[in-house]
Amino acid sequence: MTTPTDPGILTLAQWLSPSYPVGSFAYSHGLEAAVNRGEVVDADSLASWLRDVLQAGAGRFDALCLAAACRADTRARVHEIDQTARAFAPSVERLRETDLQGAAFCDVTRAVWGLDLHALTFPVAVGRAIGLAGLDQVTGSLMYLQAFISNLAAAAQRLLPLGQTDAQRLIHDLAPLCREIGQTTADGDLNDLSGTAFLTDIASMHHETQYSRIFRT
């Protein structure tokens, strides 16, 4: 038997696909500096690093901003959420990462879907687009988080002796955590914003002055 597929799932899959032209492949979110400093050296330390990023860093933070933007009922509220996301960026490179990806997402999504999107940070842009298009917020959060981790796993393959099978196993093992975070942040309450993945923040600062670099962040 064949089951009809919700067109919204296909839209989300397209928006959060590696082929969507936001340039996500160019960013390591500080992972390159962590590898350079010997803080991430193999699959196990990478798994620990990414789990912390999801639980206590940008993963949970972005999911809250995405949900809040999706629920926002005015452009003024979206702007307020976006300014909060910018203010919480812990380094110049992290701000550039979310700003440039968000601007690219807004440009393409506005041109193709005709949505009212203008120069927002990446999670806010995705959340706003989900709300305007009437797509499922929680599903969007889960797919956003998986895309985020998938991009970092792909970056790690260029930085570490990490094979494709191990990278895919890592993404698979982190899927339940993505699901948990997407569900527990669904109310989009920005009073719950926090960030305690300090090593990832410090790594992004070190990357700014790193002599030899592959990634932009």
N, C-alpha and C. Protein backbone atom coordinates (compact mmCIF):
# COMPACT_ATOMS: atom_id res chain seq x y z
N MET A 1 0.84 -1.19 0.00
CA MET A 1 0.00 0.00 0.00
C MET A 1 0.88 1.24 0.00
N THR A 2 0.40 2.29 -0.63
CA THR A 2 1.09 3.58 -0.61
C THR A 2 0.33 4.52 0.30
N THR A 3 1.05 5.36 0.98
CA THR A 3 0.44 6.32 1.90
C THR A 3 0.65 7.72 1.38
N PRO A 4 -0.39 8.54 1.28
CA PRO A 4 -0.21 9.93 0.83
C PRO A 4 0.77 10.67 1.72
N THR A 5 1.63 11.47 1.13
CA THR A 5 2.62 12.24 1.88
C THR A 5 2.15 13.68 2.03
N ASP A 6 2.19 14.20 3.23
CA ASP A 6 1.83 15.59 3.48
C ASP A 6 2.81 16.47 2.71
N PRO A 7 2.29 17.34 1.80
CA PRO A 7 3.19 18.22 1.05
C PRO A 7 4.08 19.07 1.95
N GLY A 8 3.60 19.37 3.18
CA GLY A 8 4.40 20.16 4.10
C GLY A 8 5.70 19.47 4.48
N ILE A 9 5.68 18.14 4.58
CA ILE A 9 6.89 17.40 4.90
C ILE A 9 7.92 17.59 3.80
N LEU A 10 7.44 17.56 2.55
CA LEU A 10 8.35 17.73 1.42
C LEU A 10 8.93 19.15 1.40
N THR A 11 8.11 20.12 1.78
CA THR A 11 8.61 21.50 1.85
C THR A 11 9.69 21.64 2.90
N LEU A 12 9.45 21.09 4.09
CA LEU A 12 10.45 21.14 5.15
C LEU A 12 11.72 20.40 4.75
N ALA A 13 11.55 19.26 4.09
CA ALA A 13 12.72 18.50 3.65
C ALA A 13 13.54 19.31 2.65
N GLN A 14 12.87 20.06 1.80
CA GLN A 14 13.59 20.89 0.84
C GLN A 14 14.30 22.04 1.54
N TRP A 15 13.60 22.73 2.45
CA TRP A 15 14.19 23.87 3.16
C TRP A 15 15.43 23.46 3.96
N LEU A 16 15.40 22.24 4.55
CA LEU A 16 16.46 21.82 5.45
C LEU A 16 17.40 20.79 4.82
N SER A 17 17.33 20.70 3.52
CA SER A 17 18.22 19.82 2.77
C SER A 17 19.60 20.46 2.62
N PRO A 18 20.67 19.65 2.55
CA PRO A 18 22.00 20.21 2.28
C PRO A 18 22.08 20.97 0.96
N SER A 19 21.13 20.69 0.04
CA SER A 19 21.15 21.36 -1.26
C SER A 19 20.52 22.75 -1.22
N TYR A 20 19.83 23.08 -0.10
CA TYR A 20 19.21 24.40 -0.02
C TYR A 20 20.32 25.44 0.10
N PRO A 21 20.31 26.47 -0.73
CA PRO A 21 21.49 27.35 -0.84
C PRO A 21 21.64 28.38 0.29
N VAL A 22 21.94 27.87 1.48
CA VAL A 22 22.22 28.76 2.61
C VAL A 22 23.70 28.72 2.98
N GLY A 23 24.47 27.85 2.33
CA GLY A 23 25.90 27.79 2.59
C GLY A 23 26.28 27.11 3.88
N SER A 24 25.43 26.22 4.39
CA SER A 24 25.70 25.58 5.68
C SER A 24 26.98 24.77 5.69
N PHE A 25 27.38 24.27 4.53
CA PHE A 25 28.60 23.46 4.44
C PHE A 25 29.85 24.26 4.81
N ALA A 26 29.77 25.58 4.81
CA ALA A 26 30.94 26.42 5.05
C ALA A 26 31.19 26.68 6.53
N TYR A 27 30.31 26.20 7.40
CA TYR A 27 30.40 26.53 8.82
C TYR A 27 30.60 25.28 9.67
N SER A 28 31.52 25.37 10.65
CA SER A 28 31.74 24.24 11.55
C SER A 28 31.29 24.54 12.98
N HIS A 29 30.79 25.75 13.23
CA HIS A 29 30.24 26.09 14.55
C HIS A 29 31.29 25.96 15.64
N GLY A 30 32.54 26.27 15.31
CA GLY A 30 33.62 26.16 16.29
C GLY A 30 34.27 24.80 16.36
N LEU A 31 33.71 23.81 15.65
CA LEU A 31 34.25 22.45 15.71
C LEU A 31 35.67 22.39 15.16
N GLU A 32 35.96 23.17 14.13
CA GLU A 32 37.31 23.15 13.56
C GLU A 32 38.35 23.57 14.60
N ALA A 33 38.05 24.59 15.37
CA ALA A 33 38.98 25.03 16.41
C ALA A 33 39.11 23.97 17.50
N ALA A 34 38.02 23.30 17.84
CA ALA A 34 38.06 22.25 18.86
C ALA A 34 38.95 21.09 18.41
N VAL A 35 38.87 20.75 17.14
CA VAL A 35 39.74 19.69 16.59
C VAL A 35 41.19 20.17 16.60
N ASN A 36 41.39 21.40 16.20
CA ASN A 36 42.75 21.96 16.13
C ASN A 36 43.41 21.99 17.51
N ARG A 37 42.62 22.20 18.56
CA ARG A 37 43.15 22.29 19.92
C ARG A 37 43.16 20.93 20.63
N GLY A 38 42.77 19.86 19.94
CA GLY A 38 42.81 18.53 20.51
C GLY A 38 41.67 18.22 21.46
N GLU A 39 40.59 19.00 21.41
CA GLU A 39 39.45 18.77 22.30
C GLU A 39 38.48 17.75 21.71
N VAL A 40 38.46 17.63 20.39
CA VAL A 40 37.68 16.61 19.70
C VAL A 40 38.65 15.84 18.81
N VAL A 41 38.79 14.53 19.08
CA VAL A 41 39.85 13.76 18.40
C VAL A 41 39.34 12.50 17.71
N ASP A 42 38.14 12.06 18.05
CA ASP A 42 37.63 10.81 17.48
C ASP A 42 36.10 10.80 17.55
N ALA A 43 35.52 9.67 17.17
CA ALA A 43 34.06 9.57 17.12
C ALA A 43 33.44 9.76 18.50
N ASP A 44 34.06 9.22 19.54
CA ASP A 44 33.49 9.31 20.88
C ASP A 44 33.50 10.75 21.41
N SER A 45 34.62 11.43 21.25
CA SER A 45 34.68 12.82 21.73
C SER A 45 33.79 13.72 20.88
N LEU A 46 33.66 13.40 19.59
CA LEU A 46 32.74 14.15 18.73
C LEU A 46 31.30 13.98 19.20
N ALA A 47 30.93 12.74 19.53
CA ALA A 47 29.56 12.47 19.99
C ALA A 47 29.27 13.26 21.26
N SER A 48 30.23 13.30 22.19
CA SER A 48 30.05 14.05 23.43
C SER A 48 29.91 15.54 23.14
N TRP A 49 30.74 16.04 22.23
CA TRP A 49 30.71 17.46 21.86
C TRP A 49 29.35 17.84 21.26
N LEU A 50 28.88 17.04 20.33
CA LEU A 50 27.62 17.35 19.65
C LEU A 50 26.43 17.21 20.59
N ARG A 51 26.50 16.26 21.50
CA ARG A 51 25.41 16.11 22.47
C ARG A 51 25.31 17.36 23.35
N ASP A 52 26.46 17.88 23.77
CA ASP A 52 26.46 19.10 24.57
C ASP A 52 25.94 20.30 23.77
N VAL A 53 26.32 20.38 22.50
CA VAL A 53 25.83 21.47 21.64
C VAL A 53 24.31 21.42 21.55
N LEU A 54 23.77 20.23 21.41
CA LEU A 54 22.32 20.08 21.32
C LEU A 54 21.64 20.42 22.64
N GLN A 55 22.11 19.84 23.72
CA GLN A 55 21.43 19.97 25.01
C GLN A 55 21.60 21.33 25.66
N ALA A 56 22.82 21.86 25.61
CA ALA A 56 23.12 23.06 26.39
C ALA A 56 23.59 24.24 25.56
N GLY A 57 23.64 24.08 24.25
CA GLY A 57 24.13 25.14 23.38
C GLY A 57 23.13 25.56 22.33
N ALA A 58 23.63 25.68 21.11
CA ALA A 58 22.82 26.24 20.03
C ALA A 58 21.62 25.38 19.66
N GLY A 59 21.69 24.07 19.89
CA GLY A 59 20.56 23.21 19.54
C GLY A 59 19.28 23.62 20.23
N ARG A 60 19.31 23.61 21.54
CA ARG A 60 18.11 23.97 22.32
C ARG A 60 17.77 25.45 22.14
N PHE A 61 18.80 26.29 22.10
CA PHE A 61 18.57 27.73 21.91
C PHE A 61 17.85 27.99 20.60
N ASP A 62 18.35 27.41 19.51
CA ASP A 62 17.74 27.63 18.20
C ASP A 62 16.32 27.08 18.14
N ALA A 63 16.10 25.94 18.79
CA ALA A 63 14.75 25.35 18.78
C ALA A 63 13.75 26.27 19.47
N LEU A 64 14.16 26.91 20.55
CA LEU A 64 13.27 27.85 21.24
C LEU A 64 12.98 29.07 20.36
N CYS A 65 14.03 29.60 19.71
CA CYS A 65 13.83 30.76 18.84
C CYS A 65 12.95 30.40 17.64
N LEU A 66 13.17 29.21 17.09
CA LEU A 66 12.35 28.76 15.96
C LEU A 66 10.88 28.68 16.36
N ALA A 67 10.62 28.06 17.50
CA ALA A 67 9.24 27.90 17.95
C ALA A 67 8.60 29.25 18.25
N ALA A 68 9.34 30.15 18.88
CA ALA A 68 8.80 31.47 19.19
C ALA A 68 8.47 32.24 17.93
N ALA A 69 9.36 32.16 16.93
CA ALA A 69 9.12 32.87 15.67
C ALA A 69 7.93 32.27 14.92
N CYS A 70 7.78 30.97 15.01
CA CYS A 70 6.65 30.31 14.36
C CYS A 70 5.32 30.77 14.98
N ARG A 71 5.31 30.98 16.28
CA ARG A 71 4.10 31.36 16.99
C ARG A 71 3.84 32.87 16.95
N ALA A 72 4.83 33.66 16.57
CA ALA A 72 4.69 35.12 16.59
C ALA A 72 3.56 35.57 15.65
N ASP A 73 2.76 36.52 16.11
CA ASP A 73 1.61 36.95 15.32
C ASP A 73 1.80 38.31 14.66
N THR A 74 2.95 38.95 14.88
CA THR A 74 3.21 40.23 14.22
C THR A 74 4.67 40.29 13.78
N ARG A 75 4.95 41.15 12.79
CA ARG A 75 6.33 41.34 12.35
C ARG A 75 7.17 41.96 13.46
N ALA A 76 6.54 42.80 14.30
CA ALA A 76 7.26 43.42 15.40
C ALA A 76 7.75 42.36 16.39
N ARG A 77 6.91 41.37 16.66
CA ARG A 77 7.30 40.30 17.57
C ARG A 77 8.43 39.47 16.96
N VAL A 78 8.36 39.19 15.67
CA VAL A 78 9.43 38.46 15.00
C VAL A 78 10.74 39.23 15.10
N HIS A 79 10.67 40.55 14.90
CA HIS A 79 11.86 41.38 15.01
C HIS A 79 12.45 41.31 16.42
N GLU A 80 11.59 41.32 17.42
CA GLU A 80 12.05 41.25 18.81
C GLU A 80 12.77 39.92 19.07
N ILE A 81 12.20 38.82 18.57
CA ILE A 81 12.82 37.51 18.73
C ILE A 81 14.17 37.47 18.02
N ASP A 82 14.21 38.05 16.83
CA ASP A 82 15.45 38.07 16.06
C ASP A 82 16.53 38.87 16.77
N GLN A 83 16.18 40.00 17.34
CA GLN A 83 17.15 40.80 18.07
C GLN A 83 17.68 40.06 19.30
N THR A 84 16.81 39.29 19.94
CA THR A 84 17.24 38.48 21.07
C THR A 84 18.24 37.42 20.62
N ALA A 85 17.95 36.77 19.50
CA ALA A 85 18.87 35.75 18.97
C ALA A 85 20.23 36.34 18.65
N ARG A 86 20.23 37.53 18.08
CA ARG A 86 21.51 38.19 17.76
C ARG A 86 22.28 38.56 19.03
N ALA A 87 21.55 39.03 20.03
CA ALA A 87 22.20 39.47 21.27
C ALA A 87 22.86 38.31 22.01
N PHE A 88 22.33 37.12 21.85
CA PHE A 88 22.86 35.95 22.55
C PHE A 88 24.04 35.32 21.81
N ALA A 89 24.35 35.74 20.61
CA ALA A 89 25.48 35.17 19.87
C ALA A 89 26.77 35.39 20.67
N PRO A 90 27.53 34.34 20.98
CA PRO A 90 28.67 34.48 21.88
C PRO A 90 29.95 34.98 21.22
N SER A 91 29.97 35.09 19.90
CA SER A 91 31.18 35.54 19.22
C SER A 91 30.81 36.16 17.88
N VAL A 92 31.76 36.87 17.30
CA VAL A 92 31.53 37.49 15.99
C VAL A 92 31.20 36.44 14.94
N GLU A 93 31.95 35.34 14.96
CA GLU A 93 31.73 34.31 13.94
C GLU A 93 30.40 33.62 14.10
N ARG A 94 29.98 33.38 15.33
CA ARG A 94 28.68 32.73 15.54
C ARG A 94 27.55 33.65 15.08
N LEU A 95 27.70 34.95 15.29
CA LEU A 95 26.71 35.89 14.79
C LEU A 95 26.69 35.89 13.26
N ARG A 96 27.88 35.88 12.66
CA ARG A 96 27.97 35.85 11.20
C ARG A 96 27.34 34.57 10.65
N GLU A 97 27.57 33.47 11.33
CA GLU A 97 27.03 32.18 10.88
C GLU A 97 25.51 32.20 10.80
N THR A 98 24.87 32.65 11.87
CA THR A 98 23.40 32.65 11.88
C THR A 98 22.83 33.76 11.01
N ASP A 99 23.55 34.89 10.93
CA ASP A 99 23.08 36.02 10.14
C ASP A 99 23.11 35.71 8.64
N LEU A 100 24.22 35.18 8.15
CA LEU A 100 24.37 34.93 6.72
C LEU A 100 23.50 33.77 6.26
N GLN A 101 23.42 32.71 7.07
CA GLN A 101 22.55 31.60 6.68
C GLN A 101 21.08 32.04 6.70
N GLY A 102 20.73 32.83 7.69
CA GLY A 102 19.35 33.31 7.77
C GLY A 102 18.99 34.21 6.61
N ALA A 103 19.89 35.11 6.24
CA ALA A 103 19.63 36.01 5.11
C ALA A 103 19.48 35.23 3.81
N ALA A 104 20.34 34.23 3.61
CA ALA A 104 20.25 33.41 2.40
C ALA A 104 18.94 32.62 2.38
N PHE A 105 18.55 32.08 3.53
CA PHE A 105 17.28 31.34 3.62
C PHE A 105 16.11 32.26 3.28
N CYS A 106 16.11 33.46 3.83
CA CYS A 106 15.03 34.41 3.56
C CYS A 106 14.95 34.75 2.08
N ASP A 107 16.10 35.01 1.45
CA ASP A 107 16.11 35.40 0.04
C ASP A 107 15.51 34.32 -0.84
N VAL A 108 15.97 33.08 -0.66
CA VAL A 108 15.51 31.99 -1.53
C VAL A 108 14.06 31.65 -1.24
N THR A 109 13.70 31.57 0.03
CA THR A 109 12.33 31.17 0.39
C THR A 109 11.32 32.24 -0.01
N ARG A 110 11.70 33.49 0.10
CA ARG A 110 10.82 34.57 -0.36
C ARG A 110 10.63 34.50 -1.87
N ALA A 111 11.70 34.24 -2.61
CA ALA A 111 11.63 34.21 -4.07
C ALA A 111 10.81 33.03 -4.58
N VAL A 112 10.92 31.88 -3.91
CA VAL A 112 10.25 30.67 -4.41
C VAL A 112 8.84 30.54 -3.85
N TRP A 113 8.67 30.79 -2.55
CA TRP A 113 7.36 30.58 -1.92
C TRP A 113 6.57 31.88 -1.73
N GLY A 114 7.20 33.02 -1.95
CA GLY A 114 6.51 34.29 -1.81
C GLY A 114 6.20 34.66 -0.37
N LEU A 115 6.97 34.14 0.58
CA LEU A 115 6.73 34.43 1.99
C LEU A 115 7.40 35.75 2.39
N ASP A 116 6.80 36.42 3.37
CA ASP A 116 7.29 37.72 3.83
C ASP A 116 8.44 37.52 4.80
N LEU A 117 9.65 37.33 4.25
CA LEU A 117 10.85 37.07 5.05
C LEU A 117 11.93 38.06 4.66
N HIS A 118 12.54 38.68 5.66
CA HIS A 118 13.56 39.67 5.38
C HIS A 118 14.66 39.64 6.44
N ALA A 119 15.84 39.17 6.06
CA ALA A 119 17.08 39.30 6.85
C ALA A 119 16.91 38.95 8.32
N LEU A 120 16.57 37.70 8.59
CA LEU A 120 16.45 37.21 9.95
C LEU A 120 17.58 36.22 10.24
N THR A 121 17.89 36.03 11.52
CA THR A 121 18.82 34.97 11.88
C THR A 121 18.23 33.62 11.48
N PHE A 122 19.09 32.62 11.34
CA PHE A 122 18.66 31.37 10.71
C PHE A 122 17.49 30.68 11.42
N PRO A 123 17.55 30.40 12.74
CA PRO A 123 16.40 29.71 13.34
C PRO A 123 15.13 30.55 13.33
N VAL A 124 15.27 31.86 13.45
CA VAL A 124 14.10 32.74 13.41
C VAL A 124 13.50 32.73 12.01
N ALA A 125 14.35 32.75 11.00
CA ALA A 125 13.87 32.71 9.61
C ALA A 125 13.11 31.43 9.33
N VAL A 126 13.67 30.29 9.77
CA VAL A 126 13.00 29.01 9.54
C VAL A 126 11.68 28.95 10.30
N GLY A 127 11.68 29.40 11.55
CA GLY A 127 10.45 29.39 12.33
C GLY A 127 9.38 30.29 11.74
N ARG A 128 9.77 31.47 11.29
CA ARG A 128 8.83 32.40 10.68
C ARG A 128 8.25 31.81 9.40
N ALA A 129 9.11 31.16 8.60
CA ALA A 129 8.64 30.55 7.36
C ALA A 129 7.65 29.42 7.64
N ILE A 130 7.95 28.62 8.66
CA ILE A 130 7.05 27.53 9.03
C ILE A 130 5.68 28.09 9.44
N GLY A 131 5.68 29.16 10.22
CA GLY A 131 4.43 29.76 10.65
C GLY A 131 3.64 30.34 9.48
N LEU A 132 4.33 31.07 8.60
CA LEU A 132 3.64 31.69 7.46
C LEU A 132 3.09 30.65 6.50
N ALA A 133 3.80 29.53 6.37
CA ALA A 133 3.36 28.49 5.43
C ALA A 133 2.37 27.52 6.07
N GLY A 134 2.12 27.67 7.36
CA GLY A 134 1.17 26.80 8.05
C GLY A 134 1.66 25.37 8.20
N LEU A 135 2.97 25.19 8.35
CA LEU A 135 3.54 23.86 8.50
C LEU A 135 3.62 23.47 9.96
N ASP A 136 3.87 22.20 10.22
CA ASP A 136 3.91 21.71 11.59
C ASP A 136 5.20 22.15 12.28
N GLN A 137 5.04 22.85 13.38
CA GLN A 137 6.17 23.46 14.09
C GLN A 137 7.12 22.41 14.67
N VAL A 138 6.59 21.41 15.36
CA VAL A 138 7.45 20.42 16.00
C VAL A 138 8.23 19.63 14.97
N THR A 139 7.56 19.23 13.90
CA THR A 139 8.26 18.51 12.83
C THR A 139 9.38 19.38 12.26
N GLY A 140 9.10 20.66 12.09
CA GLY A 140 10.11 21.58 11.59
C GLY A 140 11.30 21.68 12.53
N SER A 141 11.04 21.73 13.83
CA SER A 141 12.12 21.80 14.81
C SER A 141 12.98 20.55 14.77
N LEU A 142 12.34 19.38 14.71
CA LEU A 142 13.09 18.12 14.67
C LEU A 142 13.99 18.07 13.44
N MET A 143 13.44 18.47 12.30
CA MET A 143 14.21 18.41 11.06
C MET A 143 15.32 19.46 11.05
N TYR A 144 15.07 20.62 11.66
CA TYR A 144 16.10 21.65 11.78
C TYR A 144 17.27 21.13 12.61
N LEU A 145 16.96 20.51 13.75
CA LEU A 145 18.01 20.00 14.63
C LEU A 145 18.80 18.88 13.97
N GLN A 146 18.11 18.00 13.27
CA GLN A 146 18.82 16.91 12.58
C GLN A 146 19.72 17.47 11.48
N ALA A 147 19.22 18.47 10.75
CA ALA A 147 20.04 19.10 9.71
C ALA A 147 21.27 19.76 10.32
N PHE A 148 21.10 20.39 11.47
CA PHE A 148 22.21 21.04 12.17
C PHE A 148 23.29 20.03 12.54
N ILE A 149 22.88 18.92 13.15
CA ILE A 149 23.83 17.89 13.55
C ILE A 149 24.44 17.20 12.33
N SER A 150 23.65 17.00 11.31
CA SER A 150 24.16 16.36 10.09
C SER A 150 25.25 17.21 9.46
N ASN A 151 25.07 18.53 9.48
CA ASN A 151 26.08 19.42 8.92
C ASN A 151 27.38 19.35 9.72
N LEU A 152 27.28 19.29 11.05
CA LEU A 152 28.48 19.20 11.87
C LEU A 152 29.16 17.84 11.71
N ALA A 153 28.38 16.79 11.54
CA ALA A 153 28.97 15.48 11.29
C ALA A 153 29.71 15.47 9.96
N ALA A 154 29.14 16.14 8.96
CA ALA A 154 29.82 16.24 7.67
C ALA A 154 31.11 17.05 7.79
N ALA A 155 31.08 18.11 8.59
CA ALA A 155 32.29 18.89 8.82
C ALA A 155 33.35 18.04 9.51
N ALA A 156 32.93 17.23 10.46
CA ALA A 156 33.87 16.38 11.19
C ALA A 156 34.56 15.38 10.27
N GLN A 157 33.85 14.93 9.24
CA GLN A 157 34.47 14.00 8.30
C GLN A 157 35.63 14.62 7.54
N ARG A 158 35.63 15.93 7.43
CA ARG A 158 36.73 16.63 6.77
C ARG A 158 37.85 16.98 7.75
N LEU A 159 37.57 16.88 9.04
CA LEU A 159 38.54 17.29 10.05
C LEU A 159 39.16 16.12 10.82
N LEU A 160 38.46 14.98 10.85
CA LEU A 160 38.87 13.84 11.66
C LEU A 160 38.92 12.57 10.81
N PRO A 161 39.60 11.53 11.30
CA PRO A 161 39.51 10.22 10.65
C PRO A 161 38.17 9.57 10.98
N LEU A 162 37.12 10.12 10.41
CA LEU A 162 35.75 9.68 10.68
C LEU A 162 35.12 9.23 9.37
N GLY A 163 34.75 7.98 9.29
CA GLY A 163 34.17 7.44 8.06
C GLY A 163 32.70 7.75 7.93
N GLN A 164 32.16 7.47 6.76
CA GLN A 164 30.74 7.75 6.50
C GLN A 164 29.82 6.94 7.40
N THR A 165 30.17 5.68 7.64
CA THR A 165 29.33 4.83 8.48
C THR A 165 29.27 5.36 9.90
N ASP A 166 30.43 5.72 10.46
CA ASP A 166 30.46 6.26 11.82
C ASP A 166 29.70 7.58 11.92
N ALA A 167 29.80 8.41 10.87
CA ALA A 167 29.08 9.69 10.88
C ALA A 167 27.58 9.46 10.87
N GLN A 168 27.12 8.53 10.05
CA GLN A 168 25.69 8.25 10.00
C GLN A 168 25.20 7.58 11.28
N ARG A 169 26.05 6.77 11.89
CA ARG A 169 25.68 6.15 13.17
C ARG A 169 25.51 7.23 14.24
N LEU A 170 26.39 8.21 14.21
CA LEU A 170 26.30 9.31 15.17
C LEU A 170 25.01 10.09 15.01
N ILE A 171 24.66 10.43 13.76
CA ILE A 171 23.42 11.16 13.50
C ILE A 171 22.22 10.34 13.98
N HIS A 172 22.25 9.04 13.70
CA HIS A 172 21.18 8.14 14.14
C HIS A 172 21.06 8.12 15.66
N ASP A 173 22.21 8.05 16.35
CA ASP A 173 22.19 7.96 17.81
C ASP A 173 21.70 9.25 18.46
N LEU A 174 21.88 10.39 17.78
CA LEU A 174 21.46 11.67 18.34
C LEU A 174 20.01 12.02 17.98
N ALA A 175 19.39 11.23 17.13
CA ALA A 175 18.01 11.52 16.70
C ALA A 175 17.03 11.59 17.87
N PRO A 176 17.09 10.66 18.85
CA PRO A 176 16.16 10.77 19.99
C PRO A 176 16.32 12.08 20.76
N LEU A 177 17.55 12.54 20.89
CA LEU A 177 17.77 13.81 21.59
C LEU A 177 17.19 14.98 20.79
N CYS A 178 17.35 14.94 19.47
CA CYS A 178 16.72 15.97 18.62
C CYS A 178 15.22 15.98 18.83
N ARG A 179 14.63 14.79 18.89
CA ARG A 179 13.18 14.69 19.08
C ARG A 179 12.78 15.24 20.44
N GLU A 180 13.53 14.90 21.47
CA GLU A 180 13.21 15.39 22.82
C GLU A 180 13.28 16.91 22.89
N ILE A 181 14.33 17.49 22.33
CA ILE A 181 14.49 18.94 22.38
C ILE A 181 13.41 19.63 21.58
N GLY A 182 13.10 19.10 20.40
CA GLY A 182 12.05 19.69 19.58
C GLY A 182 10.70 19.71 20.29
N GLN A 183 10.42 18.66 21.04
CA GLN A 183 9.13 18.57 21.74
C GLN A 183 9.10 19.44 22.99
N THR A 184 10.21 19.49 23.74
CA THR A 184 10.20 20.24 25.01
C THR A 184 10.35 21.74 24.82
N THR A 185 10.70 22.17 23.63
CA THR A 185 10.82 23.61 23.34
C THR A 185 9.66 24.12 22.50
N ALA A 186 8.65 23.30 22.32
CA ALA A 186 7.56 23.62 21.39
C ALA A 186 6.78 24.86 21.78
N ASP A 187 6.81 25.25 23.08
CA ASP A 187 6.04 26.43 23.50
C ASP A 187 6.76 27.72 23.13
N GLY A 188 8.05 27.64 22.76
CA GLY A 188 8.78 28.83 22.33
C GLY A 188 8.92 29.89 23.40
N ASP A 189 8.99 29.50 24.65
CA ASP A 189 9.09 30.46 25.75
C ASP A 189 10.53 30.96 25.86
N LEU A 190 10.77 32.19 25.45
CA LEU A 190 12.13 32.73 25.47
C LEU A 190 12.64 32.99 26.87
N ASN A 191 11.79 32.89 27.88
CA ASN A 191 12.27 32.98 29.26
C ASN A 191 13.15 31.78 29.62
N ASP A 192 13.07 30.71 28.79
CA ASP A 192 13.86 29.51 29.03
C ASP A 192 15.19 29.54 28.29
N LEU A 193 15.49 30.64 27.60
CA LEU A 193 16.75 30.72 26.87
C LEU A 193 17.94 30.62 27.82
N SER A 194 18.92 29.85 27.40
CA SER A 194 20.16 29.75 28.16
C SER A 194 21.23 29.18 27.25
N GLY A 195 22.46 29.24 27.70
CA GLY A 195 23.55 28.65 26.96
C GLY A 195 24.68 28.32 27.90
N THR A 196 24.94 27.03 28.11
CA THR A 196 25.99 26.62 29.04
C THR A 196 26.99 25.68 28.37
N ALA A 197 27.02 25.65 27.05
CA ALA A 197 28.03 24.87 26.34
C ALA A 197 29.23 25.78 26.09
N PHE A 198 29.92 26.12 27.17
CA PHE A 198 30.92 27.17 27.12
C PHE A 198 32.12 26.83 26.23
N LEU A 199 32.50 25.57 26.19
CA LEU A 199 33.65 25.19 25.36
C LEU A 199 33.37 25.43 23.88
N THR A 200 32.13 25.23 23.45
CA THR A 200 31.82 25.50 22.05
C THR A 200 31.88 27.00 21.75
N ASP A 201 31.46 27.81 22.73
CA ASP A 201 31.54 29.26 22.56
C ASP A 201 33.00 29.72 22.49
N ILE A 202 33.82 29.18 23.39
CA ILE A 202 35.24 29.53 23.41
C ILE A 202 35.92 29.07 22.12
N ALA A 203 35.53 27.89 21.64
CA ALA A 203 36.12 27.38 20.40
C ALA A 203 35.83 28.32 19.24
N SER A 204 34.62 28.86 19.21
CA SER A 204 34.28 29.78 18.12
C SER A 204 35.11 31.05 18.20
N MET A 205 35.46 31.48 19.42
CA MET A 205 36.32 32.65 19.58
C MET A 205 37.75 32.36 19.14
N HIS A 206 38.26 31.16 19.48
CA HIS A 206 39.59 30.78 19.05
C HIS A 206 39.68 30.68 17.52
N HIS A 207 38.59 30.25 16.92
CA HIS A 207 38.59 30.08 15.46
C HIS A 207 38.79 31.41 14.74
N GLU A 208 38.38 32.50 15.37
CA GLU A 208 38.50 33.81 14.75
C GLU A 208 39.96 34.16 14.43
N THR A 209 40.88 33.65 15.24
CA THR A 209 42.30 33.99 15.06
C THR A 209 43.13 32.77 14.66
N GLN A 210 42.48 31.68 14.32
CA GLN A 210 43.20 30.48 13.92
C GLN A 210 43.91 30.73 12.59
N TYR A 211 45.18 30.33 12.50
CA TYR A 211 45.98 30.68 11.32
C TYR A 211 45.48 29.98 10.05
N SER A 212 45.31 28.66 10.13
CA SER A 212 44.89 27.88 8.96
C SER A 212 43.48 27.37 9.18
N ARG A 213 42.57 27.69 8.25
CA ARG A 213 41.16 27.32 8.46
C ARG A 213 40.56 26.77 7.17
N ILE A 214 39.66 25.81 7.34
CA ILE A 214 38.87 25.28 6.23
C ILE A 214 37.50 25.94 6.21
N PHE A 215 36.92 26.10 7.40
CA PHE A 215 35.55 26.60 7.54
C PHE A 215 35.52 28.07 7.93
N ARG A 216 34.40 28.70 7.69
CA ARG A 216 34.25 30.13 8.01
C ARG A 216 34.05 30.34 9.50
N THR A 217 33.54 29.34 10.21
CA THR A 217 33.35 29.47 11.67
C THR A 217 33.77 28.16 12.34
